[in-house]
PDB file of all heavy atoms in Angstrom:
ATOM      1  N   ARG A   1      -1.571  -4.436  -9.958  1.00  0.00           N
ATOM      2  CA  ARG A   1      -2.470  -5.461  -9.424  1.00  0.00           C
ATOM      3  C   ARG A   1      -2.103  -5.887  -8.022  1.00  0.00           C
ATOM      4  O   ARG A   1      -2.987  -6.121  -7.199  1.00  0.00           O
ATOM      5  CB  ARG A   1      -2.484  -6.670 -10.346  1.00  0.00           C
ATOM      6  CG  ARG A   1      -3.209  -6.358 -11.619  1.00  0.00           C
ATOM      7  CD  ARG A   1      -3.454  -7.560 -12.440  1.00  0.00           C
ATOM      8  NE  ARG A   1      -4.097  -7.126 -13.681  1.00  0.00           N
ATOM      9  CZ  ARG A   1      -4.227  -7.874 -14.719  1.00  0.00           C
ATOM     10  NH1 ARG A   1      -3.783  -9.106 -14.708  1.00  0.00           N
ATOM     11  NH2 ARG A   1      -4.818  -7.411 -15.800  1.00  0.00           N
ATOM     12  N   ILE A   2      -0.813  -6.038  -7.729  1.00  0.00           N
ATOM     13  CA  ILE A   2      -0.454  -6.533  -6.399  1.00  0.00           C
ATOM     14  C   ILE A   2      -0.015  -5.422  -5.451  1.00  0.00           C
ATOM     15  O   ILE A   2       0.191  -5.687  -4.278  1.00  0.00           O
ATOM     16  CB  ILE A   2       0.614  -7.645  -6.473  1.00  0.00           C
ATOM     17  CG1 ILE A   2       1.918  -7.138  -7.032  1.00  0.00           C
ATOM     18  CG2 ILE A   2       0.116  -8.816  -7.267  1.00  0.00           C
ATOM     19  CD1 ILE A   2       3.016  -8.175  -7.013  1.00  0.00           C
ATOM     20  N   CYS A   3       0.133  -4.207  -5.933  1.00  0.00           N
ATOM     21  CA  CYS A   3       0.429  -3.045  -5.090  1.00  0.00           C
ATOM     22  C   CYS A   3      -0.600  -1.957  -5.393  1.00  0.00           C
ATOM     23  O   CYS A   3      -0.328  -1.042  -6.168  1.00  0.00           O
ATOM     24  CB  CYS A   3       1.828  -2.502  -5.363  1.00  0.00           C
ATOM     25  SG  CYS A   3       3.154  -3.574  -4.921  1.00  0.00           S
ATOM     26  N   PRO A   4      -1.785  -2.032  -4.795  1.00  0.00           N
ATOM     27  CA  PRO A   4      -2.823  -1.059  -5.164  1.00  0.00           C
ATOM     28  C   PRO A   4      -2.479   0.384  -4.780  1.00  0.00           C
ATOM     29  O   PRO A   4      -2.978   1.316  -5.399  1.00  0.00           O
ATOM     30  CB  PRO A   4      -4.061  -1.543  -4.420  1.00  0.00           C
ATOM     31  CG  PRO A   4      -3.583  -2.519  -3.423  1.00  0.00           C
ATOM     32  CD  PRO A   4      -2.259  -3.010  -3.842  1.00  0.00           C
ATOM     33  N   PHE A   5      -1.613   0.599  -3.798  1.00  0.00           N
ATOM     34  CA  PHE A   5      -1.253   1.963  -3.407  1.00  0.00           C
ATOM     35  C   PHE A   5      -0.185   2.559  -4.319  1.00  0.00           C
ATOM     36  O   PHE A   5       0.173   3.720  -4.172  1.00  0.00           O
ATOM     37  CB  PHE A   5      -0.768   1.985  -1.956  1.00  0.00           C
ATOM     38  CG  PHE A   5      -1.861   1.649  -0.990  1.00  0.00           C
ATOM     39  CD1 PHE A   5      -1.978   0.377  -0.465  1.00  0.00           C
ATOM     40  CD2 PHE A   5      -2.785   2.599  -0.630  1.00  0.00           C
ATOM     41  CE1 PHE A   5      -2.990   0.063   0.410  1.00  0.00           C
ATOM     42  CE2 PHE A   5      -3.807   2.303   0.244  1.00  0.00           C
ATOM     43  CZ  PHE A   5      -3.913   1.026   0.769  1.00  0.00           C
ATOM     44  N   TYR A   6       0.310   1.775  -5.264  1.00  0.00           N
ATOM     45  CA  TYR A   6       1.316   2.245  -6.206  1.00  0.00           C
ATOM     46  C   TYR A   6       0.754   3.324  -7.126  1.00  0.00           C
ATOM     47  O   TYR A   6       1.486   4.172  -7.597  1.00  0.00           O
ATOM     48  CB  TYR A   6       1.803   1.050  -7.028  1.00  0.00           C
ATOM     49  CG  TYR A   6       2.963   1.317  -7.920  1.00  0.00           C
ATOM     50  CD1 TYR A   6       4.236   1.407  -7.395  1.00  0.00           C
ATOM     51  CD2 TYR A   6       2.803   1.486  -9.285  1.00  0.00           C
ATOM     52  CE1 TYR A   6       5.323   1.649  -8.202  1.00  0.00           C
ATOM     53  CE2 TYR A   6       3.880   1.735 -10.103  1.00  0.00           C
ATOM     54  CZ  TYR A   6       5.135   1.819  -9.557  1.00  0.00           C
ATOM     55  OH  TYR A   6       6.195   2.072 -10.352  1.00  0.00           O
ATOM     56  N   VAL A   7      -0.546   3.305  -7.340  1.00  0.00           N
ATOM     57  CA  VAL A   7      -1.180   4.267  -8.241  1.00  0.00           C
ATOM     58  C   VAL A   7      -1.137   5.686  -7.672  1.00  0.00           C
ATOM     59  O   VAL A   7      -1.326   6.644  -8.417  1.00  0.00           O
ATOM     60  CB  VAL A   7      -2.624   3.811  -8.553  1.00  0.00           C
ATOM     61  CG1 VAL A   7      -3.562   4.098  -7.409  1.00  0.00           C
ATOM     62  CG2 VAL A   7      -3.133   4.432  -9.821  1.00  0.00           C
ATOM     63  N   LEU A   8      -0.848   5.847  -6.391  1.00  0.00           N
ATOM     64  CA  LEU A   8      -0.762   7.193  -5.812  1.00  0.00           C
ATOM     65  C   LEU A   8       0.349   8.019  -6.452  1.00  0.00           C
ATOM     66  O   LEU A   8       0.277   9.249  -6.474  1.00  0.00           O
ATOM     67  CB  LEU A   8      -0.508   7.105  -4.306  1.00  0.00           C
ATOM     68  CG  LEU A   8      -1.674   6.626  -3.451  1.00  0.00           C
ATOM     69  CD1 LEU A   8      -1.222   6.467  -2.018  1.00  0.00           C
ATOM     70  CD2 LEU A   8      -2.827   7.579  -3.542  1.00  0.00           C
ATOM     71  N   GLY A   9       1.367   7.364  -6.976  1.00  0.00           N
ATOM     72  CA  GLY A   9       2.452   8.091  -7.611  1.00  0.00           C
ATOM     73  C   GLY A   9       2.067   8.712  -8.934  1.00  0.00           C
ATOM     74  O   GLY A   9       2.747   9.610  -9.428  1.00  0.00           O
ATOM     75  N   LEU A  10       0.988   8.264  -9.531  1.00  0.00           N
ATOM     76  CA  LEU A  10       0.550   8.798 -10.815  1.00  0.00           C
ATOM     77  C   LEU A  10      -0.472   9.913 -10.671  1.00  0.00           C
ATOM     78  O   LEU A  10      -0.896  10.494 -11.649  1.00  0.00           O
ATOM     79  CB  LEU A  10      -0.029   7.675 -11.674  1.00  0.00           C
ATOM     80  CG  LEU A  10       0.915   6.505 -11.932  1.00  0.00           C
ATOM     81  CD1 LEU A  10       0.215   5.427 -12.706  1.00  0.00           C
ATOM     82  CD2 LEU A  10       2.153   6.962 -12.662  1.00  0.00           C
ATOM     83  N   THR A  11      -0.887  10.196  -9.456  1.00  0.00           N
ATOM     84  CA  THR A  11      -1.851  11.262  -9.217  1.00  0.00           C
ATOM     85  C   THR A  11      -1.127  12.499  -8.692  1.00  0.00           C
ATOM     86  O   THR A  11       0.052  12.465  -8.381  1.00  0.00           O
ATOM     87  CB  THR A  11      -2.896  10.813  -8.180  1.00  0.00           C
ATOM     88  OG1 THR A  11      -2.230  10.572  -6.939  1.00  0.00           O
ATOM     89  CG2 THR A  11      -3.612   9.566  -8.626  1.00  0.00           C
ATOM     90  N   ASN A  12      -1.827  13.580  -8.573  1.00  0.00           N
ATOM     91  CA  ASN A  12      -1.256  14.793  -7.992  1.00  0.00           C
ATOM     92  C   ASN A  12      -1.456  14.838  -6.489  1.00  0.00           C
ATOM     93  O   ASN A  12      -1.116  15.818  -5.848  1.00  0.00           O
ATOM     94  CB  ASN A  12      -1.891  16.031  -8.623  1.00  0.00           C
ATOM     95  CG  ASN A  12      -1.465  16.194 -10.059  1.00  0.00           C
ATOM     96  OD1 ASN A  12      -0.397  15.746 -10.444  1.00  0.00           O
ATOM     97  ND2 ASN A  12      -2.310  16.832 -10.849  1.00  0.00           N
ATOM     98  N   PHE A  13      -1.997  13.764  -5.922  1.00  0.00           N
ATOM     99  CA  PHE A  13      -2.256  13.710  -4.488  1.00  0.00           C
ATOM    100  C   PHE A  13      -0.955  13.608  -3.698  1.00  0.00           C
ATOM    101  O   PHE A  13      -0.796  14.258  -2.680  1.00  0.00           O
ATOM    102  CB  PHE A  13      -3.178  12.527  -4.181  1.00  0.00           C
ATOM    103  CG  PHE A  13      -3.574  12.420  -2.758  1.00  0.00           C
ATOM    104  CD1 PHE A  13      -4.423  13.352  -2.200  1.00  0.00           C
ATOM    105  CD2 PHE A  13      -3.103  11.397  -1.958  1.00  0.00           C
ATOM    106  CE1 PHE A  13      -4.795  13.271  -0.882  1.00  0.00           C
ATOM    107  CE2 PHE A  13      -3.469  11.298  -0.645  1.00  0.00           C
ATOM    108  CZ  PHE A  13      -4.311  12.246  -0.098  1.00  0.00           C
ATOM    109  N   VAL A  14      -0.020  12.788  -4.168  1.00  0.00           N
ATOM    110  CA  VAL A  14       1.279  12.636  -3.519  1.00  0.00           C
ATOM    111  C   VAL A  14       2.332  13.203  -4.463  1.00  0.00           C
ATOM    112  O   VAL A  14       2.548  12.680  -5.546  1.00  0.00           O
ATOM    113  CB  VAL A  14       1.572  11.151  -3.199  1.00  0.00           C
ATOM    114  CG1 VAL A  14       2.934  11.006  -2.573  1.00  0.00           C
ATOM    115  CG2 VAL A  14       0.509  10.570  -2.303  1.00  0.00           C
ATOM    116  N   THR A  15       2.988  14.284  -4.049  1.00  0.00           N
ATOM    117  CA  THR A  15       3.947  14.940  -4.933  1.00  0.00           C
ATOM    118  C   THR A  15       5.386  14.569  -4.616  1.00  0.00           C
ATOM    119  O   THR A  15       6.245  14.658  -5.480  1.00  0.00           O
ATOM    120  CB  THR A  15       3.792  16.463  -4.845  1.00  0.00           C
ATOM    121  OG1 THR A  15       3.950  16.862  -3.482  1.00  0.00           O
ATOM    122  CG2 THR A  15       2.430  16.894  -5.344  1.00  0.00           C
ATOM    123  N   ASN A  16       5.677  14.147  -3.403  1.00  0.00           N
ATOM    124  CA  ASN A  16       7.026  13.812  -2.997  1.00  0.00           C
ATOM    125  C   ASN A  16       7.265  12.312  -3.207  1.00  0.00           C
ATOM    126  O   ASN A  16       6.448  11.488  -2.820  1.00  0.00           O
ATOM    127  CB  ASN A  16       7.198  14.173  -1.519  1.00  0.00           C
ATOM    128  CG  ASN A  16       8.620  14.073  -1.072  1.00  0.00           C
ATOM    129  OD1 ASN A  16       9.511  13.764  -1.849  1.00  0.00           O
ATOM    130  ND2 ASN A  16       8.831  14.338   0.198  1.00  0.00           N
ATOM    131  N   LYS A  17       8.393  11.951  -3.817  1.00  0.00           N
ATOM    132  CA  LYS A  17       8.678  10.539  -4.085  1.00  0.00           C
ATOM    133  C   LYS A  17       8.878   9.744  -2.801  1.00  0.00           C
ATOM    134  O   LYS A  17       8.486   8.591  -2.721  1.00  0.00           O
ATOM    135  CB  LYS A  17       9.899  10.401  -4.984  1.00  0.00           C
ATOM    136  CG  LYS A  17       9.576  10.419  -6.428  1.00  0.00           C
ATOM    137  CD  LYS A  17      10.569   9.529  -7.152  1.00  0.00           C
ATOM    138  CE  LYS A  17      10.461   9.682  -8.622  1.00  0.00           C
ATOM    139  NZ  LYS A  17       9.292   9.088  -9.193  1.00  0.00           N
ATOM    140  N   ALA A  18       9.476  10.351  -1.798  1.00  0.00           N
ATOM    141  CA  ALA A  18       9.697   9.640  -0.534  1.00  0.00           C
ATOM    142  C   ALA A  18       8.367   9.293   0.133  1.00  0.00           C
ATOM    143  O   ALA A  18       8.197   8.177   0.641  1.00  0.00           O
ATOM    144  CB  ALA A  18      10.568  10.473   0.396  1.00  0.00           C
ATOM    145  N   SER A  19       7.441  10.228   0.126  1.00  0.00           N
ATOM    146  CA  SER A  19       6.136   9.928   0.727  1.00  0.00           C
ATOM    147  C   SER A  19       5.359   8.936  -0.127  1.00  0.00           C
ATOM    148  O   SER A  19       4.581   8.137   0.390  1.00  0.00           O
ATOM    149  CB  SER A  19       5.334  11.206   0.937  1.00  0.00           C
ATOM    150  OG  SER A  19       5.133  11.868  -0.280  1.00  0.00           O
ATOM    151  N   TRP A  20       5.573   8.941  -1.446  1.00  0.00           N
ATOM    152  CA  TRP A  20       4.934   7.949  -2.310  1.00  0.00           C
ATOM    153  C   TRP A  20       5.470   6.558  -2.003  1.00  0.00           C
ATOM    154  O   TRP A  20       4.704   5.597  -1.891  1.00  0.00           O
ATOM    155  CB  TRP A  20       5.172   8.321  -3.762  1.00  0.00           C
ATOM    156  CG  TRP A  20       4.755   7.305  -4.763  1.00  0.00           C
ATOM    157  CD1 TRP A  20       3.576   6.618  -4.786  1.00  0.00           C
ATOM    158  CD2 TRP A  20       5.493   6.849  -5.885  1.00  0.00           C
ATOM    159  NE1 TRP A  20       3.552   5.771  -5.871  1.00  0.00           N
ATOM    160  CE2 TRP A  20       4.716   5.899  -6.558  1.00  0.00           C
ATOM    161  CE3 TRP A  20       6.741   7.166  -6.392  1.00  0.00           C
ATOM    162  CZ2 TRP A  20       5.148   5.259  -7.706  1.00  0.00           C
ATOM    163  CZ3 TRP A  20       7.162   6.541  -7.542  1.00  0.00           C
ATOM    164  CH2 TRP A  20       6.374   5.599  -8.186  1.00  0.00           C
ATOM    165  N   PHE A  21       6.787   6.425  -1.851  1.00  0.00           N
ATOM    166  CA  PHE A  21       7.367   5.135  -1.497  1.00  0.00           C
ATOM    167  C   PHE A  21       6.861   4.664  -0.142  1.00  0.00           C
ATOM    168  O   PHE A  21       6.500   3.503   0.042  1.00  0.00           O
ATOM    169  CB  PHE A  21       8.895   5.201  -1.457  1.00  0.00           C
ATOM    170  CG  PHE A  21       9.541   5.397  -2.795  1.00  0.00           C
ATOM    171  CD1 PHE A  21      10.822   5.877  -2.877  1.00  0.00           C
ATOM    172  CD2 PHE A  21       8.882   5.102  -3.969  1.00  0.00           C
ATOM    173  CE1 PHE A  21      11.439   6.067  -4.096  1.00  0.00           C
ATOM    174  CE2 PHE A  21       9.474   5.284  -5.199  1.00  0.00           C
ATOM    175  CZ  PHE A  21      10.758   5.762  -5.256  1.00  0.00           C
ATOM    176  N   LEU A  22       6.831   5.578   0.818  1.00  0.00           N
ATOM    177  CA  LEU A  22       6.377   5.238   2.155  1.00  0.00           C
ATOM    178  C   LEU A  22       4.913   4.822   2.157  1.00  0.00           C
ATOM    179  O   LEU A  22       4.545   3.826   2.792  1.00  0.00           O
ATOM    180  CB  LEU A  22       6.605   6.425   3.094  1.00  0.00           C
ATOM    181  CG  LEU A  22       6.407   6.164   4.569  1.00  0.00           C
ATOM    182  CD1 LEU A  22       7.424   5.151   5.058  1.00  0.00           C
ATOM    183  CD2 LEU A  22       6.535   7.454   5.341  1.00  0.00           C
ATOM    184  N   ALA A  23       4.071   5.545   1.430  1.00  0.00           N
ATOM    185  CA  ALA A  23       2.651   5.189   1.362  1.00  0.00           C
ATOM    186  C   ALA A  23       2.453   3.851   0.665  1.00  0.00           C
ATOM    187  O   ALA A  23       1.613   3.048   1.076  1.00  0.00           O
ATOM    188  CB  ALA A  23       1.877   6.285   0.635  1.00  0.00           C
ATOM    189  N   THR A  24       3.240   3.576  -0.368  1.00  0.00           N
ATOM    190  CA  THR A  24       3.117   2.306  -1.079  1.00  0.00           C
ATOM    191  C   THR A  24       3.550   1.149  -0.208  1.00  0.00           C
ATOM    192  O   THR A  24       2.849   0.137  -0.100  1.00  0.00           O
ATOM    193  CB  THR A  24       3.960   2.331  -2.370  1.00  0.00           C
ATOM    194  OG1 THR A  24       3.520   3.405  -3.187  1.00  0.00           O
ATOM    195  CG2 THR A  24       3.824   1.046  -3.130  1.00  0.00           C
ATOM    196  N   ILE A  25       4.684   1.282   0.461  1.00  0.00           N
ATOM    197  CA  ILE A  25       5.206   0.183   1.272  1.00  0.00           C
ATOM    198  C   ILE A  25       4.334  -0.046   2.499  1.00  0.00           C
ATOM    199  O   ILE A  25       3.948  -1.181   2.797  1.00  0.00           O
ATOM    200  CB  ILE A  25       6.673   0.452   1.653  1.00  0.00           C
ATOM    201  CG1 ILE A  25       7.550   0.400   0.400  1.00  0.00           C
ATOM    202  CG2 ILE A  25       7.165  -0.554   2.682  1.00  0.00           C
ATOM    203  CD1 ILE A  25       8.957   0.885   0.609  1.00  0.00           C
ATOM    204  N   LEU A  26       3.992   1.017   3.212  1.00  0.00           N
ATOM    205  CA  LEU A  26       3.162   0.847   4.408  1.00  0.00           C
ATOM    206  C   LEU A  26       1.733   0.414   4.064  1.00  0.00           C
ATOM    207  O   LEU A  26       1.137  -0.401   4.773  1.00  0.00           O
ATOM    208  CB  LEU A  26       3.140   2.132   5.227  1.00  0.00           C
ATOM    209  CG  LEU A  26       4.438   2.493   5.929  1.00  0.00           C
ATOM    210  CD1 LEU A  26       4.288   3.801   6.668  1.00  0.00           C
ATOM    211  CD2 LEU A  26       4.859   1.391   6.874  1.00  0.00           C
ATOM    212  N   GLY A  27       1.188   0.967   2.997  1.00  0.00           N
ATOM    213  CA  GLY A  27      -0.159   0.560   2.588  1.00  0.00           C
ATOM    214  C   GLY A  27      -0.212  -0.892   2.171  1.00  0.00           C
ATOM    215  O   GLY A  27      -1.144  -1.627   2.517  1.00  0.00           O
ATOM    216  N   ASN A  28       0.799  -1.333   1.438  1.00  0.00           N
ATOM    217  CA  ASN A  28       0.847  -2.722   1.022  1.00  0.00           C
ATOM    218  C   ASN A  28       1.046  -3.637   2.230  1.00  0.00           C
ATOM    219  O   ASN A  28       0.444  -4.704   2.310  1.00  0.00           O
ATOM    220  CB  ASN A  28       1.967  -2.925   0.003  1.00  0.00           C
ATOM    221  CG  ASN A  28       1.573  -3.827  -1.112  1.00  0.00           C
ATOM    222  OD1 ASN A  28       0.410  -3.882  -1.481  1.00  0.00           O
ATOM    223  ND2 ASN A  28       2.536  -4.527  -1.669  1.00  0.00           N
ATOM    224  N   ALA A  29       1.900  -3.230   3.173  1.00  0.00           N
ATOM    225  CA  ALA A  29       2.113  -4.033   4.373  1.00  0.00           C
ATOM    226  C   ALA A  29       0.824  -4.143   5.182  1.00  0.00           C
ATOM    227  O   ALA A  29       0.472  -5.220   5.678  1.00  0.00           O
ATOM    228  CB  ALA A  29       3.223  -3.424   5.220  1.00  0.00           C
ATOM    229  N   PHE A  30       0.106  -3.040   5.316  1.00  0.00           N
ATOM    230  CA  PHE A  30      -1.157  -3.060   6.054  1.00  0.00           C
ATOM    231  C   PHE A  30      -2.201  -3.937   5.354  1.00  0.00           C
ATOM    232  O   PHE A  30      -2.870  -4.748   5.995  1.00  0.00           O
ATOM    233  CB  PHE A  30      -1.683  -1.628   6.203  1.00  0.00           C
ATOM    234  CG  PHE A  30      -2.926  -1.528   7.026  1.00  0.00           C
ATOM    235  CD1 PHE A  30      -2.886  -1.739   8.383  1.00  0.00           C
ATOM    236  CD2 PHE A  30      -4.125  -1.216   6.433  1.00  0.00           C
ATOM    237  CE1 PHE A  30      -4.039  -1.653   9.144  1.00  0.00           C
ATOM    238  CE2 PHE A  30      -5.285  -1.120   7.170  1.00  0.00           C
ATOM    239  CZ  PHE A  30      -5.246  -1.349   8.547  1.00  0.00           C
ATOM    240  N   LEU A  31      -2.292  -3.801   4.040  1.00  0.00           N
ATOM    241  CA  LEU A  31      -3.272  -4.580   3.283  1.00  0.00           C
ATOM    242  C   LEU A  31      -2.978  -6.079   3.358  1.00  0.00           C
ATOM    243  O   LEU A  31      -3.862  -6.887   3.660  1.00  0.00           O
ATOM    244  CB  LEU A  31      -3.281  -4.113   1.829  1.00  0.00           C
ATOM    245  CG  LEU A  31      -4.269  -4.789   0.893  1.00  0.00           C
ATOM    246  CD1 LEU A  31      -5.687  -4.396   1.277  1.00  0.00           C
ATOM    247  CD2 LEU A  31      -3.986  -4.385  -0.532  1.00  0.00           C
ATOM    248  N   TYR A  32      -1.733  -6.462   3.121  1.00  0.00           N
ATOM    249  CA  TYR A  32      -1.374  -7.869   3.183  1.00  0.00           C
ATOM    250  C   TYR A  32      -1.392  -8.392   4.619  1.00  0.00           C
ATOM    251  O   TYR A  32      -1.629  -9.571   4.853  1.00  0.00           O
ATOM    252  CB  TYR A  32      -0.007  -8.094   2.539  1.00  0.00           C
ATOM    253  CG  TYR A  32      -0.070  -8.175   1.037  1.00  0.00           C
ATOM    254  CD1 TYR A  32      -0.233  -7.041   0.256  1.00  0.00           C
ATOM    255  CD2 TYR A  32       0.028  -9.391   0.396  1.00  0.00           C
ATOM    256  CE1 TYR A  32      -0.296  -7.105  -1.113  1.00  0.00           C
ATOM    257  CE2 TYR A  32      -0.036  -9.471  -0.988  1.00  0.00           C
ATOM    258  CZ  TYR A  32      -0.186  -8.327  -1.735  1.00  0.00           C
ATOM    259  OH  TYR A  32      -0.256  -8.409  -3.092  1.00  0.00           O
ATOM    260  N   GLY A  33      -1.150  -7.511   5.597  1.00  0.00           N
ATOM    261  CA  GLY A  33      -1.281  -7.911   6.996  1.00  0.00           C
ATOM    262  C   GLY A  33      -2.710  -8.254   7.352  1.00  0.00           C
ATOM    263  O   GLY A  33      -2.973  -9.224   8.070  1.00  0.00           O
ATOM    264  N   LEU A  34      -3.656  -7.466   6.839  1.00  0.00           N
ATOM    265  CA  LEU A  34      -5.072  -7.784   7.072  1.00  0.00           C
ATOM    266  C   LEU A  34      -5.468  -9.099   6.417  1.00  0.00           C
ATOM    267  O   LEU A  34      -6.205  -9.898   6.999  1.00  0.00           O
ATOM    268  CB  LEU A  34      -5.956  -6.656   6.536  1.00  0.00           C
ATOM    269  CG  LEU A  34      -6.013  -5.394   7.364  1.00  0.00           C
ATOM    270  CD1 LEU A  34      -6.837  -4.333   6.645  1.00  0.00           C
ATOM    271  CD2 LEU A  34      -6.605  -5.673   8.715  1.00  0.00           C
ATOM    272  N   VAL A  35      -4.960  -9.331   5.220  1.00  0.00           N
ATOM    273  CA  VAL A  35      -5.259 -10.594   4.531  1.00  0.00           C
ATOM    274  C   VAL A  35      -4.647 -11.762   5.290  1.00  0.00           C
ATOM    275  O   VAL A  35      -5.294 -12.805   5.467  1.00  0.00           O
ATOM    276  CB  VAL A  35      -4.756 -10.541   3.065  1.00  0.00           C
ATOM    277  CG1 VAL A  35      -4.816 -11.906   2.416  1.00  0.00           C
ATOM    278  CG2 VAL A  35      -5.569  -9.543   2.272  1.00  0.00           C
ATOM    279  N   GLY A  36      -3.408 -11.603   5.761  1.00  0.00           N
ATOM    280  CA  GLY A  36      -2.766 -12.667   6.533  1.00  0.00           C
ATOM    281  C   GLY A  36      -3.492 -12.952   7.833  1.00  0.00           C
ATOM    282  O   GLY A  36      -3.646 -14.119   8.228  1.00  0.00           O
ATOM    283  N   ALA A  37      -3.958 -11.907   8.513  1.00  0.00           N
ATOM    284  CA  ALA A  37      -4.715 -12.107   9.747  1.00  0.00           C
ATOM    285  C   ALA A  37      -6.044 -12.790   9.472  1.00  0.00           C
ATOM    286  O   ALA A  37      -6.474 -13.664  10.239  1.00  0.00           O
ATOM    287  CB  ALA A  37      -4.945 -10.759  10.434  1.00  0.00           C
ATOM    288  N   GLY A  38      -6.690 -12.425   8.389  1.00  0.00           N
ATOM    289  CA  GLY A  38      -7.951 -13.081   8.033  1.00  0.00           C
ATOM    290  C   GLY A  38      -7.765 -14.547   7.694  1.00  0.00           C
ATOM    291  O   GLY A  38      -8.560 -15.397   8.120  1.00  0.00           O
ATOM    292  N   LEU A  39      -6.722 -14.846   6.949  1.00  0.00           N
ATOM    293  CA  LEU A  39      -6.452 -16.249   6.630  1.00  0.00           C
ATOM    294  C   LEU A  39      -6.095 -17.052   7.874  1.00  0.00           C
ATOM    295  O   LEU A  39      -6.513 -18.209   8.017  1.00  0.00           O
ATOM    296  CB  LEU A  39      -5.322 -16.348   5.599  1.00  0.00           C
ATOM    297  CG  LEU A  39      -5.659 -15.904   4.190  1.00  0.00           C
ATOM    298  CD1 LEU A  39      -4.418 -15.941   3.309  1.00  0.00           C
ATOM    299  CD2 LEU A  39      -6.750 -16.773   3.599  1.00  0.00           C
ATOM    300  N   ALA A  40      -5.331 -16.449   8.787  1.00  0.00           N
ATOM    301  CA  ALA A  40      -4.997 -17.143  10.035  1.00  0.00           C
ATOM    302  C   ALA A  40      -6.235 -17.358  10.894  1.00  0.00           C
ATOM    303  O   ALA A  40      -6.379 -18.407  11.527  1.00  0.00           O
ATOM    304  CB  ALA A  40      -3.945 -16.350  10.801  1.00  0.00           C
ATOM    305  N   ALA A  41      -7.146 -16.388  10.901  1.00  0.00           N
ATOM    306  CA  ALA A  41      -8.384 -16.555  11.676  1.00  0.00           C
ATOM    307  C   ALA A  41      -9.253 -17.662  11.098  1.00  0.00           C
ATOM    308  O   ALA A  41      -9.816 -18.472  11.839  1.00  0.00           O
ATOM    309  CB  ALA A  41      -9.153 -15.230  11.708  1.00  0.00           C
ATOM    310  N   VAL A  42      -9.356 -17.710   9.777  1.00  0.00           N
ATOM    311  CA  VAL A  42     -10.142 -18.768   9.138  1.00  0.00           C
ATOM    312  C   VAL A  42      -9.503 -20.137   9.396  1.00  0.00           C
ATOM    313  O   VAL A  42     -10.195 -21.110   9.687  1.00  0.00           O
ATOM    314  CB  VAL A  42     -10.294 -18.489   7.623  1.00  0.00           C
ATOM    315  CG1 VAL A  42     -10.835 -19.700   6.885  1.00  0.00           C
ATOM    316  CG2 VAL A  42     -11.189 -17.287   7.415  1.00  0.00           C
TER     317      VAL A  42
END
């Protein structure tokens, strides 16, 4: 629920664990960064 990019590890799209961790961390940072910027703008 709070890490939507975490589901990439359960698919065959990302096969390497390091790239799965990187995609999860960077994707979550980008997603929450957009939410933080939107809240700051409001």
